[in-house]
Protein backbone atom coordinates (compact mmCIF):
# COMPACT_ATOMS: atom_id res chain seq x y z
CA UNK A 1 118.06 176.58 122.80
CA UNK A 2 114.68 176.34 124.57
CA UNK A 3 113.50 172.76 124.75
CA UNK A 4 109.99 172.07 123.59
CA UNK A 5 107.61 170.71 126.16
CA UNK A 6 104.08 169.30 125.93
CA UNK A 7 101.56 168.77 128.71
CA UNK A 8 98.83 166.21 128.13
CA UNK A 9 96.64 166.87 131.16
CA UNK A 10 96.45 169.41 133.99
CA UNK A 11 94.48 168.87 137.19
CA UNK A 12 93.82 171.82 139.49
CA UNK A 13 91.54 172.05 142.51
CA UNK A 14 90.49 175.24 144.30
CA UNK A 15 87.50 176.69 146.18
CA UNK A 16 86.51 178.89 143.24
CA UNK A 17 86.72 178.89 139.47
CA UNK A 18 88.62 182.18 139.57
CA UNK A 19 91.40 180.56 141.60
CA UNK A 20 91.52 177.63 139.18
CA UNK A 21 91.93 180.05 136.27
CA UNK A 22 94.61 181.97 138.16
CA UNK A 23 96.49 178.73 138.85
CA UNK A 24 96.25 177.71 135.19
CA UNK A 25 97.73 181.04 134.06
CA UNK A 26 100.57 180.79 136.58
CA UNK A 27 101.31 177.21 135.57
CA UNK A 28 101.24 177.98 131.86
CA UNK A 29 103.67 180.89 132.25
CA UNK A 30 105.90 178.82 134.54
CA UNK A 31 106.10 175.95 132.04
CA UNK A 32 106.98 178.38 129.26
CA UNK A 33 109.75 180.13 131.17
CA UNK A 34 111.23 177.21 133.10
CA UNK A 35 114.82 176.43 132.13
CA UNK A 36 114.51 172.70 131.70
CA UNK A 37 117.74 170.68 131.63
CA UNK A 38 119.22 170.40 128.15
CA UNK A 39 120.83 166.99 127.59
CA UNK A 40 123.00 166.30 124.54
CA UNK A 41 121.79 163.87 121.92
CA UNK A 42 118.19 165.02 121.55
CA UNK A 43 117.03 162.88 124.48
CA UNK A 44 113.25 162.69 124.93
CA UNK A 45 112.04 162.66 128.53
CA UNK A 46 108.52 161.44 129.31
CA UNK A 47 107.20 162.24 132.80
CA UNK A 48 104.25 160.35 134.20
CA UNK A 49 103.18 162.88 136.79
CA UNK A 50 104.64 166.20 137.90
CA UNK A 51 103.23 167.06 141.32
CA UNK A 52 103.94 170.70 142.18
CA UNK A 53 102.32 170.94 145.59
CA UNK A 54 100.37 174.02 146.60
CA UNK A 55 100.32 176.94 144.18
CA UNK A 56 99.70 180.23 145.97
CA UNK A 57 97.68 182.71 143.98
CA UNK A 58 99.91 185.62 144.97
CA UNK A 59 103.13 183.97 143.72
CA UNK A 60 104.76 184.96 140.47
CA UNK A 61 105.22 182.60 137.49
CA UNK A 62 108.99 182.93 137.94
CA UNK A 63 108.78 181.47 141.45
CA UNK A 64 106.63 178.59 140.22
CA UNK A 65 109.01 177.94 137.32
CA UNK A 66 111.80 177.27 139.83
CA UNK A 67 109.66 174.55 141.39
CA UNK A 68 109.02 173.06 137.94
CA UNK A 69 112.75 173.06 137.18
CA UNK A 70 113.60 171.34 140.45
CA UNK A 71 110.97 168.62 140.05
CA UNK A 72 111.92 167.93 136.42
CA UNK A 73 115.60 167.60 137.37
CA UNK A 74 114.74 165.17 140.15
CA UNK A 75 112.67 163.00 137.83
CA UNK A 76 115.25 163.20 135.04
CA UNK A 77 117.89 161.75 137.33
CA UNK A 78 115.60 158.82 138.12
CA UNK A 79 114.42 158.22 134.55
CA UNK A 80 114.93 154.76 133.04
CA UNK A 81 115.09 153.80 129.39
CA UNK A 82 111.77 152.98 127.76
CA UNK A 83 112.83 149.37 127.11
CA UNK A 84 113.84 148.76 130.72
CA UNK A 85 111.76 146.18 132.64
CA UNK A 86 111.06 148.85 135.26
CA UNK A 87 109.71 151.37 132.73
CA UNK A 88 106.09 150.37 133.37
CA UNK A 89 106.30 151.47 137.01
CA UNK A 90 108.80 154.32 136.63
CA UNK A 91 107.77 157.93 137.13
CA UNK A 92 109.83 159.01 134.11
CA UNK A 93 111.32 157.27 131.09
CA UNK A 94 113.57 158.51 128.31
CA UNK A 95 114.37 157.74 124.69
CA UNK A 96 117.86 158.36 123.34
CA UNK A 97 116.70 160.62 120.51
CA UNK A 98 113.54 161.90 118.87
CA UNK A 99 113.39 158.98 116.42
CA UNK A 100 113.73 156.15 118.94
CA UNK A 101 110.10 156.23 120.18
CA UNK A 102 108.89 155.38 116.68
CA UNK A 103 111.57 152.74 116.07
CA UNK A 104 110.75 150.95 119.34
CA UNK A 105 107.02 151.30 118.73
CA UNK A 106 107.22 149.82 115.23
CA UNK A 107 109.45 146.99 116.45
CA UNK A 108 107.08 146.04 119.25
CA UNK A 109 104.05 146.19 116.98
CA UNK A 110 105.79 144.05 114.35
CA UNK A 111 106.59 141.46 117.04
CA UNK A 112 103.04 141.51 118.36
CA UNK A 113 104.08 142.93 121.73
CA UNK A 114 101.76 145.21 123.73
CA UNK A 115 102.19 148.97 123.67
CA UNK A 116 99.73 149.83 126.42
CA UNK A 117 102.31 151.05 128.94
CA UNK A 118 101.55 154.52 130.29
CA UNK A 119 104.30 156.39 128.41
CA UNK A 120 103.40 155.29 124.87
CA UNK A 121 100.37 157.54 124.54
CA UNK A 122 102.54 160.45 125.72
CA UNK A 123 105.60 159.74 123.57
CA UNK A 124 103.61 159.05 120.38
CA UNK A 125 100.73 161.50 119.86
CA UNK A 126 97.65 159.78 118.50
CA UNK A 127 98.43 156.35 119.92
CA UNK A 128 95.66 155.02 122.14
CA UNK A 129 94.99 151.70 123.87
CA UNK A 130 93.45 149.32 121.39
CA UNK A 131 94.89 151.02 118.31
CA UNK A 132 95.02 148.40 115.51
CA UNK A 133 98.49 147.19 114.63
CA UNK A 134 98.45 148.53 111.08
CA UNK A 135 97.28 151.94 112.27
CA UNK A 136 100.03 151.96 114.90
CA UNK A 137 102.68 151.09 112.31
CA UNK A 138 101.54 153.89 110.01
CA UNK A 139 101.50 156.17 113.03
CA UNK A 140 105.15 155.27 113.75
CA UNK A 141 106.14 156.11 110.18
CA UNK A 142 104.18 159.37 110.24
CA UNK A 143 105.81 160.31 113.54
CA UNK A 144 109.28 159.66 112.13
CA UNK A 145 108.50 161.93 109.18
CA UNK A 146 107.45 164.72 111.56
CA UNK A 147 110.82 164.78 113.33
CA UNK A 148 113.43 167.30 112.23
CA UNK A 149 115.33 164.77 110.08
CA UNK A 150 112.10 164.12 108.16
CA UNK A 151 112.73 161.72 105.24
CA UNK A 152 116.13 160.79 106.69
CA UNK A 153 114.36 159.59 109.84
CA UNK A 154 112.08 157.41 107.72
CA UNK A 155 115.16 155.93 106.03
CA UNK A 156 116.69 155.09 109.42
CA UNK A 157 113.41 153.59 110.63
CA UNK A 158 113.13 151.31 107.59
CA UNK A 159 116.81 150.31 107.82
CA UNK A 160 116.55 149.32 111.46
CA UNK A 161 113.33 147.39 110.97
CA UNK A 162 114.92 145.54 108.04
CA UNK A 163 117.93 144.66 110.19
CA UNK A 164 115.54 143.21 112.78
CA UNK A 165 113.54 141.31 110.18
CA UNK A 166 110.49 143.37 111.17
CA UNK A 167 109.98 145.51 108.06
CA UNK A 168 107.31 143.41 106.33
CA UNK A 169 104.49 144.34 108.77
CA UNK A 170 105.15 148.06 108.23
CA UNK A 171 105.17 147.77 104.44
CA UNK A 172 102.10 145.56 104.57
CA UNK A 173 100.28 148.23 106.57
CA UNK A 174 100.78 150.87 103.86
CA UNK A 175 97.74 151.35 101.65
CA UNK A 176 97.84 152.65 98.11
CA UNK A 177 96.65 156.12 99.19
CA UNK A 178 99.60 156.37 101.58
CA UNK A 179 102.04 156.36 98.66
CA UNK A 180 101.29 159.89 97.38
CA UNK A 181 101.40 161.20 100.96
CA UNK A 182 104.85 159.67 101.51
CA UNK A 183 106.12 161.10 98.23
CA UNK A 184 104.75 164.58 99.01
CA UNK A 185 106.39 164.49 102.44
CA UNK A 186 109.74 163.87 100.73
CA UNK A 187 109.75 165.79 97.43
CA UNK A 188 106.48 167.71 97.38
CA UNK A 189 105.39 165.89 94.22
CA UNK A 190 106.13 162.74 92.27
CA UNK A 191 108.36 163.27 89.25
CA UNK A 192 107.44 161.42 86.04
CA UNK A 193 109.13 158.19 85.12
CA UNK A 194 112.37 158.92 83.19
CA UNK A 195 113.57 157.12 80.10
CA UNK A 196 114.85 153.58 80.82
CA UNK A 197 118.58 153.30 81.39
CA UNK A 198 121.03 150.72 82.52
CA UNK A 199 120.31 147.56 84.47
CA UNK A 200 120.65 147.90 88.23
CA UNK A 201 123.87 145.90 88.30
CA UNK A 202 125.43 148.09 85.59
CA UNK A 203 124.30 151.47 86.87
CA UNK A 204 127.35 152.21 89.05
CA UNK A 205 127.98 152.15 92.77
CA UNK A 206 125.72 155.12 93.44
CA UNK A 207 122.72 153.16 92.16
CA UNK A 208 123.35 150.06 94.26
CA UNK A 209 121.23 149.03 97.21
CA UNK A 210 122.02 146.35 99.73
CA UNK A 211 121.13 142.79 98.77
CA UNK A 212 118.74 142.56 101.73
CA UNK A 213 116.82 145.70 100.79
CA UNK A 214 116.98 144.80 97.11
CA UNK A 215 115.10 141.56 97.70
CA UNK A 216 112.57 143.38 99.88
CA UNK A 217 112.14 146.10 97.26
CA UNK A 218 111.71 143.51 94.51
CA UNK A 219 109.06 141.63 96.48
CA UNK A 220 106.96 144.69 97.31
CA UNK A 221 107.38 146.22 93.86
CA UNK A 222 105.83 143.11 92.37
CA UNK A 223 103.10 143.22 95.01
CA UNK A 224 102.26 146.92 94.59
CA UNK A 225 103.26 147.47 90.99
CA UNK A 226 106.22 149.47 89.69
CA UNK A 227 104.02 152.53 89.05
CA UNK A 228 102.79 152.65 92.65
CA UNK A 229 104.02 155.67 94.62
CA UNK A 230 104.79 153.36 97.54
CA UNK A 231 107.30 151.50 95.36
CA UNK A 232 109.00 154.75 94.31
CA UNK A 233 109.24 155.81 97.96
CA UNK A 234 110.67 152.45 99.04
CA UNK A 235 113.21 152.51 96.18
CA UNK A 236 114.39 155.95 97.32
CA UNK A 237 114.66 154.69 100.90
CA UNK A 238 116.73 151.72 99.73
CA UNK A 239 119.08 154.01 97.81
CA UNK A 240 119.61 156.19 100.89
CA UNK A 241 119.97 153.39 103.44
CA UNK A 242 123.76 153.33 103.19
CA UNK A 243 124.09 157.11 103.47
CA UNK A 244 121.01 158.95 104.83
CA UNK A 245 122.41 162.33 103.76
CA UNK A 246 121.46 161.38 100.18
CA UNK A 247 117.82 162.16 100.97
CA UNK A 248 118.43 165.73 99.80
CA UNK A 249 119.92 164.69 96.44
CA UNK A 250 117.96 166.44 93.65
CA UNK A 251 118.13 163.46 91.29
CA UNK A 252 116.90 160.90 93.82
CA UNK A 253 113.38 160.45 92.35
CA UNK A 254 114.78 159.71 88.88
CA UNK A 255 117.24 157.22 90.33
CA UNK A 256 114.42 155.53 92.24
CA UNK A 257 112.41 155.20 89.02
CA UNK A 258 115.40 153.69 87.22
CA UNK A 259 115.98 151.15 89.98
CA UNK A 260 112.34 150.10 89.78
CA UNK A 261 112.57 149.75 86.02
CA UNK A 262 115.70 147.63 86.35
CA UNK A 263 114.09 145.37 88.94
CA UNK A 264 110.97 145.05 86.82
CA UNK A 265 113.04 143.96 83.83
CA UNK A 266 115.15 141.48 85.82
CA UNK A 267 114.09 137.84 86.14
CA UNK A 268 112.25 137.04 89.33
CA UNK A 269 113.84 133.68 90.14
CA UNK A 270 117.42 134.74 90.98
CA UNK A 271 116.21 137.27 93.53
CA UNK A 272 115.97 135.95 97.04
CA UNK A 273 112.74 136.34 98.91
CA UNK A 274 112.61 138.92 101.68
CA UNK A 275 113.11 137.67 105.17
CA UNK A 276 110.01 136.54 106.96
CA UNK A 277 108.83 138.86 109.71
CA UNK A 278 109.56 137.94 113.27
CA UNK A 279 106.92 135.66 114.80
CA UNK A 280 104.34 137.46 116.79
CA UNK A 281 104.06 137.04 120.53
CA UNK A 282 101.38 135.04 122.27
CA UNK A 283 98.06 135.50 120.49
CA UNK A 284 95.94 138.22 121.95
CA UNK A 285 92.58 139.70 121.06
CA UNK A 286 91.72 139.74 117.42
CA UNK A 287 93.04 142.86 115.72
CA UNK A 288 90.28 144.80 113.99
CA UNK A 289 90.49 145.84 110.37
CA UNK A 290 92.37 148.98 109.42
CA UNK A 291 90.25 152.06 109.67
CA UNK A 292 89.75 153.53 106.20
CA UNK A 293 90.19 157.08 107.43
CA UNK A 294 93.66 156.58 108.88
CA UNK A 295 96.48 157.84 106.68
CA UNK A 296 100.17 158.52 106.97
CA UNK A 297 99.70 162.15 106.03
CA UNK A 298 96.42 163.02 107.68
CA UNK A 299 93.72 161.71 109.95
CA UNK A 300 94.25 159.69 113.09
CA UNK A 301 97.65 158.41 112.06
CA UNK A 302 99.27 161.81 112.00
CA UNK A 303 97.76 164.15 114.57
CA UNK A 304 99.33 167.53 115.03
CA UNK A 305 101.42 167.72 118.20
CA UNK A 306 100.05 169.91 120.97
CA UNK A 307 101.54 173.36 121.09
CA UNK A 308 102.66 174.95 124.30
CA UNK A 309 99.83 177.46 123.92
CA UNK A 310 97.27 174.62 124.03
CA UNK A 311 97.57 174.25 127.80
CA UNK A 312 94.05 174.60 129.12
CA UNK A 313 93.16 176.18 132.41
CA UNK A 314 89.98 174.16 132.87
CA UNK A 315 89.94 171.00 134.96
CA UNK A 316 90.75 167.94 132.92
CA UNK A 317 87.68 165.97 133.90
CA UNK A 318 84.11 166.85 134.61
CA UNK A 319 84.25 165.28 138.06
CA UNK A 320 83.76 167.85 140.78
CA UNK A 321 86.35 167.95 143.52
CA UNK A 322 85.70 169.16 147.04
CA UNK A 323 86.92 172.76 147.38
CA UNK A 324 89.93 173.25 149.61
CA UNK A 325 90.46 176.44 151.54
CA UNK A 326 93.29 178.93 151.18
CA UNK A 327 95.66 178.01 148.36
CA UNK A 328 95.43 175.89 145.24
CA UNK A 329 96.75 172.38 145.83
CA UNK A 330 98.85 171.63 142.80
CA UNK A 331 97.60 169.08 140.42
CA UNK A 332 99.18 166.00 139.10
CA UNK A 333 100.53 167.05 135.75
CA UNK A 334 101.03 164.37 133.13
CA UNK A 335 103.95 165.92 131.27
CA UNK A 336 105.89 164.66 128.30
CA UNK A 337 108.66 166.05 126.21
CA UNK A 338 107.88 166.31 122.54
CA UNK A 339 110.17 164.44 120.12
CA UNK A 340 112.41 167.50 120.06
CA UNK A 341 112.88 167.99 123.78
CA UNK A 342 116.30 167.42 125.25
CA UNK A 343 116.48 166.97 129.00
CA UNK A 344 119.47 165.99 131.10
CA UNK A 345 118.68 162.53 132.44
CA UNK A 346 121.44 160.55 134.07
CA UNK A 347 120.55 156.86 134.19
CA UNK A 348 119.89 155.50 137.65
CA UNK A 349 121.44 152.22 138.86
CA UNK A 350 118.24 150.45 137.85
CA UNK A 351 118.46 151.71 134.29
CA UNK A 352 119.30 148.98 131.84
CA UNK A 353 119.32 150.16 128.25
CA UNK A 354 120.17 146.80 126.85
CA UNK A 355 117.79 144.71 128.88
CA UNK A 356 115.05 142.61 127.44
CA UNK A 357 111.56 143.83 126.83
CA UNK A 358 108.44 142.33 128.30
CA UNK A 359 108.77 139.23 126.18
CA UNK A 360 112.35 138.56 127.23
CA UNK A 361 113.73 139.30 123.76
CA UNK A 362 116.77 141.58 123.89
CA UNK A 363 116.22 144.87 122.13
CA UNK A 364 119.51 145.74 120.52
CA UNK A 365 120.52 148.99 118.90
CA UNK A 366 120.57 148.18 115.20
CA UNK A 367 121.21 151.70 113.99
CA UNK A 368 123.56 151.64 110.97
CA UNK A 369 125.24 154.76 112.29
CA UNK A 370 127.90 155.03 114.95
CA UNK A 371 126.10 156.02 118.14
CA UNK A 372 127.37 156.60 121.66
CA UNK A 373 125.51 155.77 124.85
CA UNK A 374 127.48 158.42 126.72
CA UNK A 375 129.51 161.55 126.05
CA UNK A 376 132.95 160.54 124.78
CA UNK A 377 136.02 162.81 124.77
CA UNK A 378 137.16 164.20 121.44
CA UNK A 379 140.25 166.19 120.55
CA UNK A 380 138.51 167.88 117.60
CA UNK A 381 135.58 169.50 119.36
CA UNK A 382 135.71 172.51 117.03
CA UNK A 383 135.55 170.48 113.81
CA UNK A 384 131.84 171.10 113.35
CA UNK A 385 132.39 174.85 113.71
CA UNK A 386 133.29 174.53 110.02
CA UNK A 387 129.67 173.73 109.14
CA UNK A 388 128.45 177.36 108.90
CA UNK A 389 131.54 178.30 106.89
CA UNK A 390 130.97 175.47 104.43
CA UNK A 391 127.36 176.57 104.07
CA UNK A 392 128.50 180.16 103.48
CA UNK A 393 130.87 178.93 100.76
CA UNK A 394 127.95 177.33 98.91
CA UNK A 395 128.41 173.67 99.79
CA UNK A 396 124.74 172.79 99.29
CA UNK A 397 124.77 174.43 95.85
CA UNK A 398 127.96 172.56 94.97
CA UNK A 399 126.50 169.20 96.01
CA UNK A 400 123.35 169.87 93.98
CA UNK A 401 125.51 170.53 90.90
CA UNK A 402 127.71 167.47 91.55
CA UNK A 403 125.36 164.67 92.71
CA UNK A 404 127.91 161.93 92.07
CA UNK A 405 130.30 163.53 94.56
CA UNK A 406 127.49 163.97 97.09
CA UNK A 407 126.72 160.26 96.82
CA UNK A 408 130.31 159.47 97.79
CA UNK A 409 130.11 161.49 101.01
CA UNK A 410 132.32 164.41 99.95
CA UNK A 411 131.48 166.62 102.99
CA UNK A 412 132.38 163.82 105.39
CA UNK A 413 135.62 163.20 103.49
CA UNK A 414 136.52 166.86 103.78
CA UNK A 415 135.90 167.03 107.53
CA UNK A 416 138.01 163.92 108.02
CA UNK A 417 140.75 165.43 105.85
CA UNK A 418 140.86 168.55 108.02
CA UNK A 419 141.08 166.44 111.18
CA UNK A 420 143.78 164.18 109.76
CA UNK A 421 145.85 167.18 108.62
CA UNK A 422 145.73 168.46 112.19
CA UNK A 423 146.82 165.13 113.66
CA UNK A 424 143.48 163.91 115.03
CA UNK A 425 143.58 160.08 115.26
CA UNK A 426 141.14 158.15 113.10
CA UNK A 427 139.73 156.50 116.23
CA UNK A 428 138.44 159.81 117.58
CA UNK A 429 134.73 159.39 118.45
CA UNK A 430 133.75 162.46 116.43
CA UNK A 431 135.42 161.15 113.27
CA UNK A 432 133.74 157.79 113.72
CA UNK A 433 130.38 159.51 114.09
CA UNK A 434 130.59 161.51 110.84
CA UNK A 435 131.72 158.56 108.73
CA UNK A 436 128.44 157.24 107.33
CA UNK A 437 129.77 154.57 105.00
CA UNK A 438 132.97 152.88 103.99
CA UNK A 439 135.14 155.32 102.08
CA UNK A 440 135.45 154.51 98.40
CA UNK A 441 138.00 156.22 96.17
CA UNK A 442 136.60 159.16 94.26
CA UNK A 443 136.12 158.38 90.57
CA UNK A 444 138.74 159.48 88.07
CA UNK A 445 138.18 161.95 86.58
CA UNK A 446 136.11 163.97 89.08
CA UNK A 447 135.40 167.19 87.23
CA UNK A 448 134.24 170.04 89.45
CA UNK A 449 133.52 173.76 89.46
CA UNK A 450 133.13 175.70 92.69
CA UNK A 451 130.10 178.05 92.80
CA UNK A 452 130.31 181.84 92.72
CA UNK A 453 129.76 182.03 96.47
CA UNK A 454 132.88 179.95 96.96
CA UNK A 455 134.90 182.18 94.64
CA UNK A 456 133.68 185.31 96.45
CA UNK A 457 134.31 183.80 99.87
CA UNK A 458 137.86 182.82 99.03
CA UNK A 459 138.56 186.21 97.45
CA UNK A 460 139.16 184.83 93.96
CA UNK A 461 138.55 187.26 91.13
CA UNK A 462 139.67 187.84 87.57
CA UNK A 463 142.16 187.50 86.07
CA UNK A 464 142.08 183.76 86.72
CA UNK A 465 145.01 181.51 85.91
CA UNK A 466 144.21 178.63 83.57
CA UNK A 467 146.49 175.72 82.75
CA UNK A 468 146.10 172.82 80.32
CA UNK A 469 148.02 169.61 80.84
CA UNK A 470 149.40 167.43 78.03
CA UNK A 471 146.60 164.97 78.84
CA UNK A 472 144.00 167.61 77.90
CA UNK A 473 142.78 168.30 81.43
CA UNK A 474 142.12 172.00 82.12
CA UNK A 475 142.35 173.56 85.58
CA UNK A 476 141.40 177.06 86.74
CA UNK A 477 143.18 178.70 89.69
CA UNK A 478 142.86 182.03 91.44
CA UNK A 479 145.16 184.87 90.42
CA UNK A 480 147.95 183.60 92.70
CA UNK A 481 147.66 180.02 91.37
CA UNK A 482 147.00 178.71 94.86
CA UNK A 483 143.31 177.79 95.09
CA UNK A 484 141.90 175.40 92.45
CA UNK A 485 138.50 176.67 91.31
CA UNK A 486 137.50 174.25 88.56
CA UNK A 487 138.77 171.22 86.65
CA UNK A 488 137.52 169.45 83.56
CA UNK A 489 138.16 165.96 82.22
CA UNK A 490 140.46 165.45 79.29
CA UNK A 491 139.36 167.54 76.34
CA UNK A 492 136.59 169.22 78.33
CA UNK A 493 135.78 172.92 78.39
CA UNK A 494 135.84 174.98 81.55
CA UNK A 495 132.51 176.59 82.53
CA UNK A 496 131.96 180.37 82.67
CA UNK A 497 133.63 182.63 83.68
CA UNK A 498 136.80 180.61 83.12
CA UNK A 499 136.12 179.77 79.47
CA UNK A 500 137.00 183.31 78.34
CA UNK A 501 140.59 183.15 79.59
CA UNK A 502 143.63 181.86 77.76
CA UNK A 503 145.20 178.74 79.20
CA UNK A 504 148.91 178.16 79.69
CA UNK A 505 150.06 174.87 78.19
CA UNK A 506 152.08 172.71 80.61
CA UNK A 507 154.80 170.35 79.49
CA UNK A 508 154.21 167.98 82.43
CA UNK A 509 150.92 167.15 84.18
CA UNK A 510 150.38 168.41 87.72
CA UNK A 511 151.05 165.87 90.49
CA UNK A 512 147.45 166.06 91.78
CA UNK A 513 144.37 164.24 90.59
CA UNK A 514 140.93 165.87 90.52
CA UNK A 515 139.99 164.66 93.99
CA UNK A 516 143.16 166.10 95.52
CA UNK A 517 142.62 169.43 93.76
CA UNK A 518 139.02 169.55 94.94
CA UNK A 519 139.82 168.86 98.59
CA UNK A 520 142.86 171.15 98.48
CA UNK A 521 140.73 174.01 97.17
CA UNK A 522 138.13 173.50 99.89
CA UNK A 523 140.82 173.29 102.59
CA UNK A 524 142.50 176.52 101.50
CA UNK A 525 139.15 178.28 101.25
CA UNK A 526 138.02 177.25 104.73
CA UNK A 527 141.39 178.29 106.15
CA UNK A 528 141.08 181.75 104.60
CA UNK A 529 137.50 182.23 105.78
CA UNK A 530 138.45 181.09 109.29
CA UNK A 531 141.21 183.66 109.54
CA UNK A 532 138.97 186.39 108.14
CA UNK A 533 135.88 185.68 110.26
CA UNK A 534 137.30 184.29 113.51
CA UNK A 535 140.82 185.76 113.37
CA UNK A 536 142.40 182.39 114.10
CA UNK A 537 143.80 179.46 112.18
CA UNK A 538 142.21 176.09 111.59
CA UNK A 539 144.34 174.45 114.25
CA UNK A 540 143.19 176.85 116.96
CA UNK A 541 139.57 176.51 115.86
CA UNK A 542 139.35 172.73 115.46
CA UNK A 543 141.69 171.37 118.14
CA UNK A 544 139.73 172.10 121.28
CA UNK A 545 138.76 169.44 123.84
CA UNK A 546 135.14 168.52 124.15
CA UNK A 547 132.78 165.60 124.43
CA UNK A 548 130.62 164.19 121.67
CA UNK A 549 127.23 162.52 121.92
CA UNK A 550 126.07 160.80 118.72
CA UNK A 551 122.62 159.33 118.19
CA UNK A 552 120.71 158.29 115.08
CA UNK A 553 119.56 161.85 114.51
CA UNK A 554 121.77 164.13 116.60
CA UNK A 555 125.41 165.06 116.89
CA UNK A 556 126.04 167.15 120.01
CA UNK A 557 129.29 168.71 121.19
CA UNK A 558 129.68 169.52 124.88
CA UNK A 559 132.32 172.02 126.00
CA UNK A 560 133.37 173.27 129.40
CA UNK A 561 132.25 176.80 130.16
CA UNK A 562 135.89 177.88 130.19
CA UNK A 563 136.08 176.96 126.49
CA UNK A 564 133.85 179.87 125.45
CA UNK A 565 135.78 181.95 122.91
CA UNK A 566 134.54 185.44 122.08
CA UNK A 567 136.09 185.20 118.60
CA UNK A 568 134.05 182.10 117.80
CA UNK A 569 130.90 183.60 119.29
CA UNK A 570 131.36 186.88 117.39
CA UNK A 571 131.73 184.98 114.12
CA UNK A 572 128.58 182.97 114.91
CA UNK A 573 130.36 179.64 114.54
CA UNK A 574 128.94 178.08 117.71
CA UNK A 575 125.33 178.95 116.97
CA UNK A 576 123.41 175.69 116.72
CA UNK A 577 123.18 174.81 113.01
CA UNK A 578 120.19 172.55 113.68
CA UNK A 579 119.35 170.13 110.88
CA UNK A 580 122.24 169.86 108.40
CA UNK A 581 121.02 168.00 105.27
CA UNK A 582 124.44 167.04 103.92
CA UNK A 583 125.32 165.39 107.24
CA UNK A 584 121.77 164.14 107.89
CA UNK A 585 122.13 165.11 111.54
CA UNK A 586 120.90 167.75 113.96
CA UNK A 587 124.01 169.51 115.29
CA UNK A 588 123.97 171.30 118.64
CA UNK A 589 126.56 172.80 120.97
CA UNK A 590 126.42 172.88 124.75
CA UNK A 591 128.52 174.80 127.26
CA UNK A 592 128.38 173.34 130.74
CA UNK A 593 130.03 174.17 134.03
CA UNK A 594 133.58 172.87 134.33
CA UNK A 595 132.44 170.24 136.82
CA UNK A 596 130.20 168.59 134.21
CA UNK A 597 131.75 169.81 130.97
CA UNK A 598 134.82 168.64 129.09
């Protein structure tokens, strides 16, 4: 995958304008074609200055791209984390993933800390020295929404700020006109308020939010009003905080409305007040009022990122420079990776990810997800090769039809079931990374019906075998009575096309509950598809050594080059899935030389 790269400023000097234009064309082509290092985890590398030396007009872009690659690798090895005390003087800094720049920015702004270090204006487009705090906070939220995780990134940002006690400044910076923009960024439109239902405490585990976020939501709902779009957005964020993959749930807006109605009807006294924001640092210059033309969705708070085609060949400043003879002395190039760039950057001995910031306050990783600071070995490196097969079997359609099962993390349960069946220990780093929340038992009964894509993928066709237990539960199997296709609660009716078949009456109930039947059906289906597409079994596909890098937003698997399998490549199973909504992660695969791979 080609990493995205952005250049903020180019400086070229030459005896003639024609040579300057020639150098700009060479540099633009070289930056496009350079094979920049691809580090797992979605790491963002920000380079202060990329000096390329003399660019000869008769050289090819390919030759110049080799120089770019070498210089970027050198700087990547020396890069320090953005929160390191040496970041202000470093030639390159990095963030662990594409969301971290906005989390750190919002945290520093909430604490009243300065954000005038050189790399901030490069890492966060639109941020300039002197930007008011409220504008900067809205800019951080807008930037999080522009990352590939989108609404899930906003959920993670809010969760981490709440854990730090720094959420109130962000919510206080949101104006009423920001609410519709936030809602459109998530659902495209705001659904109408549904009919009132149960109280929040009686609405079931799927409707619960954490006590901390509940008090915050209650406070701001009373401040904004329950009909304010900002309140609906915050209620949806609170519902997804425990499991960010719920952001794609189709019924989320209605659930958010119901939570707001329940909070509005509840007495105010028993609810605790939200935590006070962290005290600001030493008082600085007075912060000006919020500009009225700054919005989360448009305006200064959400500028469009520069495209690679926007590289200009003209000198960056109007100051004339003395012409130099012969070649074009290379400029100083202020170069930054966009929030989606991944560059290999091994921390230098001076790198200190957990060190204090400028104020001496330790900046800790408060991400609710399991993250790794380095690549950890896993025995189930091929587990995520099941993602494209699950998508082909209609998993997203199934989750949309069964929102209660999606809320309980059914995809994560299935992946863990496959790993456990193959003997992968529960302490494996990959299994820890895909477990978003504490596993709760699936409700009984858990009626289900696999979609038509699942039935076609598993090779199930009429005549189906139907059975009815003495308890009244009906179950549909394939013709060989091996793969469960649907199950109904007691006395329920099977959906089409199963409802037209006669059911055999059993004298004794089957020894499996609905959850076991559901997971068994999915396991058998994936096993069949694996053998048909990759010509191998699940054990051979899943149990392959690798290394896993988990961040807030990314889940990357690194394999040795010797692990390349033509059967997997032919089936397209190791093509980067990218953003996977039901895992709320960007998944990528990397094959590295055996010296650096698994």
